[in-house]
Amino acid sequence: MKGEIDNTNLIQLTLSGNKEAYSELYDKTIQEVYKTVHFLIEDKTDVDDVVQEIYIQLYESLRKYDSEKPFRPWLIGLAIKQIHSYRRKRWMRLRIIKKAEEQRKPVQIDFSNDLISKISNQKLIELIHKLPYKLKQVIILRYLHDYSQEEVAQILHIPIGTVKSRIHAALKKLRQKEQIEEIFLGEVGNVK
């Protein structure tokens, strides 16, 4: 709660023109925003650009923030919207490029050098990255950022039942692929 009060004060100071307050708000939130973008953007060279767009959008949207609601889920919701926008633009760009390159030899991209510190099991990371985007989204928000299922629903603007079914489907796919035991302690249990 104290963090939310601090965030509300920083937002009010930012809205009154205090650049240091916005800088402090950025410093308090950048790590979580960056991790979210890093996990949900396939092309790691675009992560910094997407993060920059998120903070531009944050600055422009601060007046719309409802201080009665928690700031973190609101900010991550903003980040998710920017990620969706990026993915739509990238998809359109890739369609154009694909049509242009159909006559040429396809380019192979190797993402094997990406390092992720929060989740130490490289095999699990690979499996998570292979999940469909909607399933990967809920897994990242729920287990990397430790949001409750209700907060994930709020961030993604979807019903709690949808969050639960996506988590269930994602964990089921992960279990099927590698028969991993207790991927996420307390929620999966023993996998046979």
N, C-alpha and C. Protein backbone atom coordinates (compact mmCIF):
# COMPACT_ATOMS: atom_id res chain seq x y z
N MET A 1 0.83 -1.20 0.00
CA MET A 1 0.00 0.00 0.00
C MET A 1 0.87 1.25 0.00
N LYS A 2 1.98 1.23 0.80
CA LYS A 2 2.87 2.38 0.86
C LYS A 2 3.44 2.69 -0.53
N GLY A 3 3.78 1.62 -1.28
CA GLY A 3 4.29 1.81 -2.64
C GLY A 3 3.28 2.50 -3.53
N GLU A 4 2.00 2.16 -3.37
CA GLU A 4 0.95 2.80 -4.17
C GLU A 4 0.82 4.27 -3.80
N ILE A 5 0.94 4.58 -2.49
CA ILE A 5 0.87 5.98 -2.05
C ILE A 5 2.05 6.75 -2.64
N ASP A 6 3.25 6.15 -2.59
CA ASP A 6 4.42 6.78 -3.18
C ASP A 6 4.21 7.01 -4.68
N ASN A 7 3.67 6.01 -5.37
CA ASN A 7 3.42 6.14 -6.80
C ASN A 7 2.42 7.26 -7.07
N THR A 8 1.37 7.33 -6.27
CA THR A 8 0.36 8.38 -6.45
C THR A 8 0.99 9.75 -6.26
N ASN A 9 1.84 9.89 -5.24
CA ASN A 9 2.54 11.17 -5.03
C ASN A 9 3.45 11.50 -6.20
N LEU A 10 4.19 10.51 -6.69
CA LEU A 10 5.08 10.74 -7.83
C LEU A 10 4.28 11.13 -9.07
N ILE A 11 3.13 10.51 -9.26
CA ILE A 11 2.27 10.85 -10.40
C ILE A 11 1.79 12.29 -10.29
N GLN A 12 1.33 12.68 -9.10
CA GLN A 12 0.85 14.05 -8.90
C GLN A 12 1.98 15.06 -9.14
N LEU A 13 3.17 14.75 -8.64
CA LEU A 13 4.32 15.65 -8.86
C LEU A 13 4.67 15.72 -10.34
N THR A 14 4.62 14.58 -11.03
CA THR A 14 4.91 14.56 -12.46
C THR A 14 3.90 15.40 -13.23
N LEU A 15 2.63 15.26 -12.87
CA LEU A 15 1.58 16.03 -13.55
C LEU A 15 1.73 17.53 -13.31
N SER A 16 2.36 17.88 -12.19
CA SER A 16 2.58 19.31 -11.91
C SER A 16 3.88 19.81 -12.55
N GLY A 17 4.56 18.94 -13.32
CA GLY A 17 5.73 19.38 -14.06
C GLY A 17 7.06 18.99 -13.47
N ASN A 18 7.08 18.20 -12.42
CA ASN A 18 8.32 17.79 -11.76
C ASN A 18 8.95 16.63 -12.53
N LYS A 19 10.04 16.92 -13.26
CA LYS A 19 10.70 15.90 -14.07
C LYS A 19 11.42 14.86 -13.21
N GLU A 20 11.92 15.28 -12.05
CA GLU A 20 12.60 14.33 -11.16
C GLU A 20 11.62 13.27 -10.65
N ALA A 21 10.38 13.65 -10.43
CA ALA A 21 9.36 12.70 -9.96
C ALA A 21 9.10 11.64 -11.04
N TYR A 22 9.03 12.08 -12.30
CA TYR A 22 8.82 11.11 -13.38
C TYR A 22 10.03 10.19 -13.50
N SER A 23 11.21 10.75 -13.34
CA SER A 23 12.43 9.95 -13.38
C SER A 23 12.42 8.90 -12.27
N GLU A 24 11.97 9.27 -11.09
CA GLU A 24 11.89 8.32 -9.97
C GLU A 24 10.83 7.25 -10.24
N LEU A 25 9.71 7.65 -10.82
CA LEU A 25 8.66 6.69 -11.19
C LEU A 25 9.21 5.69 -12.22
N TYR A 26 9.97 6.20 -13.16
CA TYR A 26 10.62 5.34 -14.17
C TYR A 26 11.56 4.35 -13.48
N ASP A 27 12.41 4.86 -12.60
CA ASP A 27 13.38 4.00 -11.91
C ASP A 27 12.69 2.91 -11.09
N LYS A 28 11.54 3.23 -10.49
CA LYS A 28 10.82 2.26 -9.67
C LYS A 28 10.14 1.17 -10.51
N THR A 29 9.86 1.46 -11.76
CA THR A 29 9.04 0.54 -12.55
C THR A 29 9.76 -0.10 -13.73
N ILE A 30 10.91 0.40 -14.11
CA ILE A 30 11.56 -0.05 -15.35
C ILE A 30 11.89 -1.53 -15.35
N GLN A 31 12.32 -2.07 -14.22
CA GLN A 31 12.73 -3.47 -14.20
C GLN A 31 11.56 -4.40 -14.54
N GLU A 32 10.41 -4.16 -13.94
CA GLU A 32 9.24 -5.01 -14.20
C GLU A 32 8.74 -4.83 -15.63
N VAL A 33 8.70 -3.61 -16.10
CA VAL A 33 8.25 -3.34 -17.47
C VAL A 33 9.20 -4.00 -18.46
N TYR A 34 10.50 -3.85 -18.23
CA TYR A 34 11.49 -4.40 -19.15
C TYR A 34 11.39 -5.92 -19.22
N LYS A 35 11.23 -6.56 -18.05
CA LYS A 35 11.11 -8.03 -18.03
C LYS A 35 9.88 -8.48 -18.79
N THR A 36 8.78 -7.77 -18.61
CA THR A 36 7.54 -8.13 -19.30
C THR A 36 7.74 -8.05 -20.82
N VAL A 37 8.31 -6.95 -21.27
CA VAL A 37 8.54 -6.77 -22.70
C VAL A 37 9.51 -7.83 -23.22
N HIS A 38 10.58 -8.06 -22.48
CA HIS A 38 11.59 -9.03 -22.91
C HIS A 38 10.99 -10.41 -23.13
N PHE A 39 10.08 -10.81 -22.26
CA PHE A 39 9.48 -12.14 -22.39
C PHE A 39 8.42 -12.21 -23.47
N LEU A 40 7.77 -11.11 -23.79
CA LEU A 40 6.65 -11.16 -24.72
C LEU A 40 6.97 -10.69 -26.14
N ILE A 41 8.17 -10.17 -26.34
CA ILE A 41 8.60 -9.72 -27.66
C ILE A 41 9.59 -10.74 -28.21
N GLU A 42 9.31 -11.26 -29.37
CA GLU A 42 10.17 -12.29 -29.95
C GLU A 42 11.51 -11.72 -30.40
N ASP A 43 11.49 -10.58 -31.05
CA ASP A 43 12.70 -9.97 -31.58
C ASP A 43 13.33 -9.09 -30.51
N LYS A 44 14.38 -9.61 -29.87
CA LYS A 44 14.99 -8.92 -28.73
C LYS A 44 15.62 -7.58 -29.11
N THR A 45 15.88 -7.36 -30.39
CA THR A 45 16.44 -6.08 -30.80
C THR A 45 15.41 -4.96 -30.70
N ASP A 46 14.14 -5.31 -30.61
CA ASP A 46 13.07 -4.31 -30.52
C ASP A 46 12.64 -4.01 -29.10
N VAL A 47 13.17 -4.72 -28.12
CA VAL A 47 12.73 -4.57 -26.73
C VAL A 47 12.90 -3.13 -26.25
N ASP A 48 14.06 -2.54 -26.45
CA ASP A 48 14.30 -1.17 -25.97
C ASP A 48 13.34 -0.17 -26.61
N ASP A 49 13.06 -0.35 -27.90
CA ASP A 49 12.12 0.56 -28.57
C ASP A 49 10.72 0.44 -27.99
N VAL A 50 10.29 -0.79 -27.72
CA VAL A 50 8.95 -0.99 -27.16
C VAL A 50 8.88 -0.40 -25.76
N VAL A 51 9.92 -0.61 -24.96
CA VAL A 51 9.95 -0.04 -23.60
C VAL A 51 9.87 1.48 -23.67
N GLN A 52 10.60 2.07 -24.59
CA GLN A 52 10.56 3.53 -24.75
C GLN A 52 9.14 3.99 -25.10
N GLU A 53 8.48 3.28 -26.00
CA GLU A 53 7.10 3.62 -26.37
C GLU A 53 6.16 3.51 -25.16
N ILE A 54 6.40 2.52 -24.32
CA ILE A 54 5.57 2.34 -23.12
C ILE A 54 5.71 3.55 -22.21
N TYR A 55 6.92 4.04 -22.01
CA TYR A 55 7.11 5.17 -21.10
C TYR A 55 6.64 6.49 -21.71
N ILE A 56 6.67 6.59 -23.02
CA ILE A 56 6.05 7.76 -23.66
C ILE A 56 4.54 7.71 -23.44
N GLN A 57 3.95 6.52 -23.66
CA GLN A 57 2.51 6.34 -23.44
C GLN A 57 2.15 6.57 -21.98
N LEU A 58 3.00 6.10 -21.07
CA LEU A 58 2.75 6.32 -19.64
C LEU A 58 2.67 7.81 -19.34
N TYR A 59 3.64 8.56 -19.83
CA TYR A 59 3.68 10.00 -19.57
C TYR A 59 2.41 10.68 -20.11
N GLU A 60 2.01 10.27 -21.31
CA GLU A 60 0.83 10.86 -21.94
C GLU A 60 -0.48 10.42 -21.27
N SER A 61 -0.46 9.29 -20.58
CA SER A 61 -1.68 8.72 -20.00
C SER A 61 -1.84 8.97 -18.50
N LEU A 62 -0.86 9.59 -17.87
CA LEU A 62 -0.92 9.75 -16.41
C LEU A 62 -2.18 10.47 -15.94
N ARG A 63 -2.67 11.41 -16.73
CA ARG A 63 -3.89 12.14 -16.33
C ARG A 63 -5.11 11.21 -16.28
N LYS A 64 -5.07 10.12 -17.03
CA LYS A 64 -6.19 9.18 -17.06
C LYS A 64 -6.12 8.15 -15.93
N TYR A 65 -4.99 8.10 -15.23
CA TYR A 65 -4.83 7.09 -14.17
C TYR A 65 -5.79 7.36 -13.02
N ASP A 66 -6.50 6.33 -12.59
CA ASP A 66 -7.43 6.40 -11.46
C ASP A 66 -6.68 5.99 -10.21
N SER A 67 -6.38 6.95 -9.34
CA SER A 67 -5.57 6.68 -8.15
C SER A 67 -6.26 5.76 -7.15
N GLU A 68 -7.53 5.45 -7.39
CA GLU A 68 -8.24 4.50 -6.53
C GLU A 68 -7.84 3.06 -6.85
N LYS A 69 -7.24 2.86 -8.00
CA LYS A 69 -6.84 1.52 -8.44
C LYS A 69 -5.33 1.37 -8.31
N PRO A 70 -4.85 0.13 -8.14
CA PRO A 70 -3.40 -0.09 -8.01
C PRO A 70 -2.65 0.34 -9.27
N PHE A 71 -1.49 0.96 -9.08
CA PHE A 71 -0.72 1.49 -10.19
C PHE A 71 -0.03 0.40 -11.01
N ARG A 72 0.60 -0.58 -10.33
CA ARG A 72 1.38 -1.61 -11.05
C ARG A 72 0.55 -2.32 -12.11
N PRO A 73 -0.62 -2.86 -11.77
CA PRO A 73 -1.40 -3.53 -12.81
C PRO A 73 -1.82 -2.58 -13.94
N TRP A 74 -2.09 -1.33 -13.59
CA TRP A 74 -2.46 -0.34 -14.62
C TRP A 74 -1.29 -0.14 -15.58
N LEU A 75 -0.08 0.01 -15.03
CA LEU A 75 1.11 0.22 -15.85
C LEU A 75 1.39 -1.00 -16.73
N ILE A 76 1.30 -2.19 -16.15
CA ILE A 76 1.56 -3.39 -16.94
C ILE A 76 0.47 -3.57 -18.01
N GLY A 77 -0.75 -3.18 -17.70
CA GLY A 77 -1.81 -3.18 -18.72
C GLY A 77 -1.47 -2.27 -19.88
N LEU A 78 -0.91 -1.10 -19.55
CA LEU A 78 -0.45 -0.16 -20.58
C LEU A 78 0.66 -0.81 -21.40
N ALA A 79 1.57 -1.48 -20.73
CA ALA A 79 2.68 -2.17 -21.41
C ALA A 79 2.14 -3.25 -22.35
N ILE A 80 1.18 -4.02 -21.87
CA ILE A 80 0.60 -5.09 -22.70
C ILE A 80 -0.05 -4.50 -23.95
N LYS A 81 -0.73 -3.37 -23.82
CA LYS A 81 -1.34 -2.72 -24.99
C LYS A 81 -0.27 -2.31 -26.00
N GLN A 82 0.84 -1.77 -25.51
CA GLN A 82 1.93 -1.38 -26.41
C GLN A 82 2.55 -2.60 -27.08
N ILE A 83 2.67 -3.69 -26.33
CA ILE A 83 3.21 -4.93 -26.90
C ILE A 83 2.28 -5.44 -27.99
N HIS A 84 0.96 -5.40 -27.75
CA HIS A 84 -0.01 -5.81 -28.77
C HIS A 84 0.15 -4.94 -30.02
N SER A 85 0.29 -3.64 -29.82
CA SER A 85 0.46 -2.72 -30.94
C SER A 85 1.72 -3.06 -31.72
N TYR A 86 2.81 -3.30 -31.01
CA TYR A 86 4.07 -3.69 -31.66
C TYR A 86 3.89 -4.97 -32.47
N ARG A 87 3.24 -5.96 -31.84
CA ARG A 87 3.06 -7.26 -32.51
C ARG A 87 2.22 -7.11 -33.79
N ARG A 88 1.18 -6.28 -33.73
CA ARG A 88 0.36 -6.04 -34.93
C ARG A 88 1.20 -5.40 -36.03
N LYS A 89 1.96 -4.36 -35.67
CA LYS A 89 2.80 -3.68 -36.66
C LYS A 89 3.85 -4.64 -37.23
N ARG A 90 4.45 -5.43 -36.35
CA ARG A 90 5.48 -6.37 -36.77
C ARG A 90 4.88 -7.42 -37.70
N TRP A 91 3.68 -7.90 -37.36
CA TRP A 91 3.02 -8.90 -38.19
C TRP A 91 2.78 -8.35 -39.59
N MET A 92 2.31 -7.13 -39.68
CA MET A 92 2.07 -6.51 -40.99
C MET A 92 3.38 -6.37 -41.76
N ARG A 93 4.42 -5.91 -41.06
CA ARG A 93 5.73 -5.74 -41.68
C ARG A 93 6.26 -7.09 -42.18
N LEU A 94 6.10 -8.12 -41.36
CA LEU A 94 6.59 -9.44 -41.74
C LEU A 94 5.83 -10.01 -42.93
N ARG A 95 4.55 -9.74 -43.03
CA ARG A 95 3.78 -10.19 -44.19
C ARG A 95 4.32 -9.56 -45.47
N ILE A 96 4.62 -8.28 -45.39
CA ILE A 96 5.15 -7.58 -46.57
C ILE A 96 6.52 -8.14 -46.94
N ILE A 97 7.37 -8.31 -45.93
CA ILE A 97 8.71 -8.84 -46.16
C ILE A 97 8.63 -10.26 -46.71
N LYS A 98 7.74 -11.06 -46.15
CA LYS A 98 7.61 -12.45 -46.59
C LYS A 98 7.23 -12.52 -48.06
N LYS A 99 6.31 -11.68 -48.46
CA LYS A 99 5.91 -11.67 -49.87
C LYS A 99 7.08 -11.28 -50.76
N ALA A 100 7.87 -10.31 -50.30
CA ALA A 100 9.01 -9.85 -51.08
C ALA A 100 10.11 -10.90 -51.15
N GLU A 101 10.24 -11.70 -50.10
CA GLU A 101 11.33 -12.68 -50.04
C GLU A 101 10.94 -14.07 -50.49
N GLU A 102 9.71 -14.26 -50.91
CA GLU A 102 9.28 -15.59 -51.34
C GLU A 102 10.13 -16.12 -52.48
N GLN A 103 10.72 -15.22 -53.25
CA GLN A 103 11.54 -15.64 -54.37
C GLN A 103 12.99 -15.85 -53.97
N ARG A 104 13.35 -15.42 -52.75
CA ARG A 104 14.73 -15.58 -52.27
C ARG A 104 14.81 -16.69 -51.23
N LYS A 105 16.05 -17.04 -50.90
CA LYS A 105 16.29 -18.03 -49.85
C LYS A 105 15.91 -17.40 -48.50
N PRO A 106 15.16 -18.12 -47.67
CA PRO A 106 14.75 -17.55 -46.38
C PRO A 106 15.93 -17.32 -45.43
N VAL A 107 15.81 -16.26 -44.63
CA VAL A 107 16.83 -15.93 -43.64
C VAL A 107 16.54 -16.72 -42.37
N GLN A 108 17.57 -17.31 -41.80
CA GLN A 108 17.40 -18.04 -40.55
C GLN A 108 17.93 -17.18 -39.41
N ILE A 109 17.10 -17.02 -38.39
CA ILE A 109 17.47 -16.20 -37.23
C ILE A 109 17.69 -17.12 -36.05
N ASP A 110 18.79 -16.91 -35.33
CA ASP A 110 19.11 -17.73 -34.16
C ASP A 110 18.98 -16.89 -32.90
N PHE A 111 18.03 -17.25 -32.05
CA PHE A 111 17.82 -16.55 -30.79
C PHE A 111 18.44 -17.31 -29.62
N SER A 112 19.31 -18.26 -29.89
CA SER A 112 19.81 -19.13 -28.83
C SER A 112 20.70 -18.41 -27.82
N ASN A 113 21.18 -17.22 -28.14
CA ASN A 113 22.07 -16.52 -27.21
C ASN A 113 21.33 -15.67 -26.19
N ASP A 114 20.00 -15.62 -26.25
CA ASP A 114 19.22 -14.85 -25.28
C ASP A 114 19.40 -15.44 -23.89
N LEU A 115 19.66 -14.59 -22.91
CA LEU A 115 19.82 -15.05 -21.53
C LEU A 115 18.72 -14.47 -20.68
N ILE A 116 18.17 -15.29 -19.80
CA ILE A 116 17.11 -14.84 -18.90
C ILE A 116 17.50 -15.27 -17.50
N SER A 117 17.58 -14.31 -16.58
CA SER A 117 18.09 -14.64 -15.25
C SER A 117 17.02 -15.11 -14.27
N LYS A 118 15.80 -14.65 -14.38
CA LYS A 118 14.79 -14.99 -13.38
C LYS A 118 14.46 -16.48 -13.40
N ILE A 119 14.27 -17.06 -14.55
CA ILE A 119 13.97 -18.48 -14.66
C ILE A 119 15.26 -19.18 -15.07
N SER A 120 15.81 -20.01 -14.20
CA SER A 120 17.14 -20.56 -14.45
C SER A 120 17.13 -21.80 -15.33
N ASN A 121 16.05 -22.48 -15.48
CA ASN A 121 16.00 -23.70 -16.25
C ASN A 121 15.86 -23.38 -17.74
N GLN A 122 16.94 -23.53 -18.49
CA GLN A 122 16.94 -23.16 -19.91
C GLN A 122 15.92 -23.96 -20.71
N LYS A 123 15.74 -25.21 -20.37
CA LYS A 123 14.76 -26.03 -21.09
C LYS A 123 13.35 -25.48 -20.87
N LEU A 124 13.05 -25.10 -19.63
CA LEU A 124 11.75 -24.53 -19.33
C LEU A 124 11.54 -23.22 -20.09
N ILE A 125 12.56 -22.41 -20.16
CA ILE A 125 12.48 -21.15 -20.90
C ILE A 125 12.15 -21.43 -22.37
N GLU A 126 12.83 -22.42 -22.94
CA GLU A 126 12.56 -22.76 -24.33
C GLU A 126 11.12 -23.22 -24.52
N LEU A 127 10.63 -24.01 -23.58
CA LEU A 127 9.25 -24.49 -23.67
C LEU A 127 8.26 -23.33 -23.55
N ILE A 128 8.53 -22.41 -22.64
CA ILE A 128 7.64 -21.25 -22.47
C ILE A 128 7.61 -20.41 -23.75
N HIS A 129 8.78 -20.22 -24.35
CA HIS A 129 8.83 -19.43 -25.59
C HIS A 129 8.09 -20.10 -26.74
N LYS A 130 7.91 -21.40 -26.67
CA LYS A 130 7.19 -22.13 -27.73
C LYS A 130 5.68 -22.09 -27.54
N LEU A 131 5.23 -21.64 -26.38
CA LEU A 131 3.79 -21.56 -26.13
C LEU A 131 3.15 -20.52 -27.05
N PRO A 132 1.88 -20.70 -27.39
CA PRO A 132 1.17 -19.64 -28.11
C PRO A 132 1.18 -18.35 -27.28
N TYR A 133 1.13 -17.22 -27.95
CA TYR A 133 1.28 -15.92 -27.29
C TYR A 133 0.32 -15.73 -26.12
N LYS A 134 -0.94 -16.06 -26.30
CA LYS A 134 -1.93 -15.84 -25.23
C LYS A 134 -1.63 -16.68 -24.00
N LEU A 135 -1.10 -17.88 -24.19
CA LEU A 135 -0.73 -18.72 -23.05
C LEU A 135 0.56 -18.21 -22.40
N LYS A 136 1.51 -17.82 -23.25
CA LYS A 136 2.78 -17.31 -22.73
C LYS A 136 2.54 -16.05 -21.90
N GLN A 137 1.64 -15.21 -22.35
CA GLN A 137 1.31 -13.96 -21.67
C GLN A 137 0.89 -14.21 -20.22
N VAL A 138 -0.05 -15.12 -20.00
CA VAL A 138 -0.53 -15.35 -18.64
C VAL A 138 0.53 -16.01 -17.78
N ILE A 139 1.34 -16.88 -18.36
CA ILE A 139 2.42 -17.54 -17.60
C ILE A 139 3.44 -16.50 -17.14
N ILE A 140 3.83 -15.60 -18.03
CA ILE A 140 4.81 -14.57 -17.67
C ILE A 140 4.26 -13.66 -16.58
N LEU A 141 3.04 -13.19 -16.74
CA LEU A 141 2.46 -12.29 -15.73
C LEU A 141 2.25 -13.01 -14.40
N ARG A 142 1.77 -14.25 -14.45
CA ARG A 142 1.46 -14.97 -13.21
C ARG A 142 2.71 -15.43 -12.47
N TYR A 143 3.67 -16.01 -13.19
CA TYR A 143 4.80 -16.65 -12.52
C TYR A 143 6.08 -15.83 -12.53
N LEU A 144 6.33 -15.05 -13.55
CA LEU A 144 7.53 -14.21 -13.54
C LEU A 144 7.32 -12.99 -12.66
N HIS A 145 6.13 -12.38 -12.79
CA HIS A 145 5.86 -11.16 -12.04
C HIS A 145 5.02 -11.38 -10.79
N ASP A 146 4.61 -12.61 -10.54
CA ASP A 146 3.86 -12.96 -9.33
C ASP A 146 2.55 -12.19 -9.18
N TYR A 147 1.88 -11.89 -10.28
CA TYR A 147 0.56 -11.28 -10.19
C TYR A 147 -0.45 -12.36 -9.83
N SER A 148 -1.47 -11.98 -9.08
CA SER A 148 -2.55 -12.92 -8.80
C SER A 148 -3.33 -13.13 -10.10
N GLN A 149 -4.15 -14.17 -10.11
CA GLN A 149 -4.96 -14.43 -11.30
C GLN A 149 -5.92 -13.26 -11.56
N GLU A 150 -6.43 -12.66 -10.48
CA GLU A 150 -7.33 -11.52 -10.63
C GLU A 150 -6.60 -10.33 -11.26
N GLU A 151 -5.35 -10.09 -10.84
CA GLU A 151 -4.58 -8.99 -11.41
C GLU A 151 -4.26 -9.25 -12.88
N VAL A 152 -3.94 -10.50 -13.22
CA VAL A 152 -3.68 -10.85 -14.62
C VAL A 152 -4.93 -10.56 -15.45
N ALA A 153 -6.09 -10.94 -14.93
CA ALA A 153 -7.35 -10.67 -15.65
C ALA A 153 -7.54 -9.17 -15.85
N GLN A 154 -7.24 -8.38 -14.82
CA GLN A 154 -7.38 -6.93 -14.91
C GLN A 154 -6.40 -6.35 -15.93
N ILE A 155 -5.16 -6.79 -15.90
CA ILE A 155 -4.13 -6.29 -16.81
C ILE A 155 -4.50 -6.58 -18.27
N LEU A 156 -4.97 -7.80 -18.52
CA LEU A 156 -5.26 -8.22 -19.89
C LEU A 156 -6.69 -7.90 -20.34
N HIS A 157 -7.50 -7.39 -19.40
CA HIS A 157 -8.90 -7.07 -19.71
C HIS A 157 -9.65 -8.30 -20.21
N ILE A 158 -9.48 -9.41 -19.47
CA ILE A 158 -10.19 -10.64 -19.80
C ILE A 158 -10.80 -11.20 -18.52
N PRO A 159 -11.81 -12.05 -18.62
CA PRO A 159 -12.43 -12.63 -17.42
C PRO A 159 -11.45 -13.53 -16.66
N ILE A 160 -11.65 -13.63 -15.35
CA ILE A 160 -10.80 -14.47 -14.51
C ILE A 160 -10.85 -15.93 -14.97
N GLY A 161 -12.00 -16.38 -15.43
CA GLY A 161 -12.13 -17.74 -15.93
C GLY A 161 -11.23 -18.00 -17.14
N THR A 162 -11.09 -16.99 -17.98
CA THR A 162 -10.21 -17.11 -19.14
C THR A 162 -8.76 -17.21 -18.69
N VAL A 163 -8.39 -16.41 -17.68
CA VAL A 163 -7.03 -16.49 -17.14
C VAL A 163 -6.76 -17.89 -16.62
N LYS A 164 -7.70 -18.41 -15.83
CA LYS A 164 -7.52 -19.75 -15.25
C LYS A 164 -7.40 -20.81 -16.34
N SER A 165 -8.25 -20.71 -17.36
CA SER A 165 -8.20 -21.73 -18.41
C SER A 165 -6.91 -21.62 -19.22
N ARG A 166 -6.42 -20.39 -19.44
CA ARG A 166 -5.16 -20.23 -20.17
C ARG A 166 -3.98 -20.75 -19.36
N ILE A 167 -3.98 -20.49 -18.05
CA ILE A 167 -2.91 -21.01 -17.19
C ILE A 167 -2.96 -22.54 -17.22
N HIS A 168 -4.15 -23.09 -17.08
CA HIS A 168 -4.30 -24.55 -17.10
C HIS A 168 -3.80 -25.12 -18.43
N ALA A 169 -4.20 -24.50 -19.53
CA ALA A 169 -3.79 -24.99 -20.86
C ALA A 169 -2.28 -24.88 -21.04
N ALA A 170 -1.70 -23.77 -20.57
CA ALA A 170 -0.25 -23.58 -20.71
C ALA A 170 0.51 -24.62 -19.90
N LEU A 171 0.10 -24.82 -18.66
CA LEU A 171 0.78 -25.79 -17.81
C LEU A 171 0.62 -27.20 -18.37
N LYS A 172 -0.55 -27.48 -18.92
CA LYS A 172 -0.78 -28.80 -19.52
C LYS A 172 0.16 -29.01 -20.71
N LYS A 173 0.30 -27.98 -21.55
CA LYS A 173 1.21 -28.08 -22.69
C LYS A 173 2.65 -28.28 -22.22
N LEU A 174 3.05 -27.54 -21.19
CA LEU A 174 4.41 -27.68 -20.68
C LEU A 174 4.64 -29.09 -20.12
N ARG A 175 3.66 -29.60 -19.41
CA ARG A 175 3.79 -30.96 -18.85
C ARG A 175 3.87 -31.99 -19.97
N GLN A 176 3.07 -31.82 -20.99
CA GLN A 176 3.06 -32.78 -22.10
C GLN A 176 4.39 -32.79 -22.83
N LYS A 177 4.98 -31.63 -22.99
CA LYS A 177 6.20 -31.54 -23.78
C LYS A 177 7.39 -32.19 -23.09
N GLU A 178 7.53 -32.02 -21.80
CA GLU A 178 8.74 -32.50 -21.16
C GLU A 178 8.52 -33.28 -19.87
N GLN A 179 7.29 -33.47 -19.47
CA GLN A 179 7.02 -34.20 -18.23
C GLN A 179 7.81 -33.61 -17.07
N ILE A 180 7.81 -32.28 -16.96
CA ILE A 180 8.54 -31.59 -15.90
C ILE A 180 7.74 -31.65 -14.61
N GLU A 181 8.39 -31.98 -13.50
CA GLU A 181 7.70 -32.05 -12.22
C GLU A 181 7.77 -30.71 -11.51
N GLU A 182 6.65 -30.31 -10.96
CA GLU A 182 6.55 -29.13 -10.13
C GLU A 182 7.22 -27.91 -10.75
N ILE A 183 6.76 -27.56 -11.94
CA ILE A 183 7.31 -26.39 -12.62
C ILE A 183 7.11 -25.15 -11.76
N PHE A 184 5.91 -24.96 -11.33
CA PHE A 184 5.61 -23.81 -10.49
C PHE A 184 5.06 -24.36 -9.18
N LEU A 185 5.87 -24.32 -8.16
CA LEU A 185 5.53 -24.94 -6.88
C LEU A 185 4.18 -24.45 -6.37
N GLY A 186 3.43 -25.39 -5.84
CA GLY A 186 2.16 -25.05 -5.23
C GLY A 186 0.99 -25.00 -6.18
N GLU A 187 1.21 -24.98 -7.48
CA GLU A 187 0.08 -24.88 -8.38
C GLU A 187 0.00 -26.04 -9.37
N VAL A 188 1.09 -26.75 -9.58
CA VAL A 188 1.07 -27.83 -10.53
C VAL A 188 1.04 -29.18 -9.82
N GLY A 189 1.87 -29.33 -8.80
CA GLY A 189 1.95 -30.61 -8.11
C GLY A 189 2.79 -31.59 -8.91
N ASN A 190 2.72 -32.83 -8.55
CA ASN A 190 3.52 -33.86 -9.23
C ASN A 190 2.91 -34.19 -10.58
N VAL A 191 3.76 -34.27 -11.56
CA VAL A 191 3.35 -34.60 -12.91
C VAL A 191 3.84 -36.01 -13.19
N LYS A 192 2.97 -36.84 -13.65
CA LYS A 192 3.36 -38.24 -13.93
C LYS A 192 3.41 -38.44 -15.42
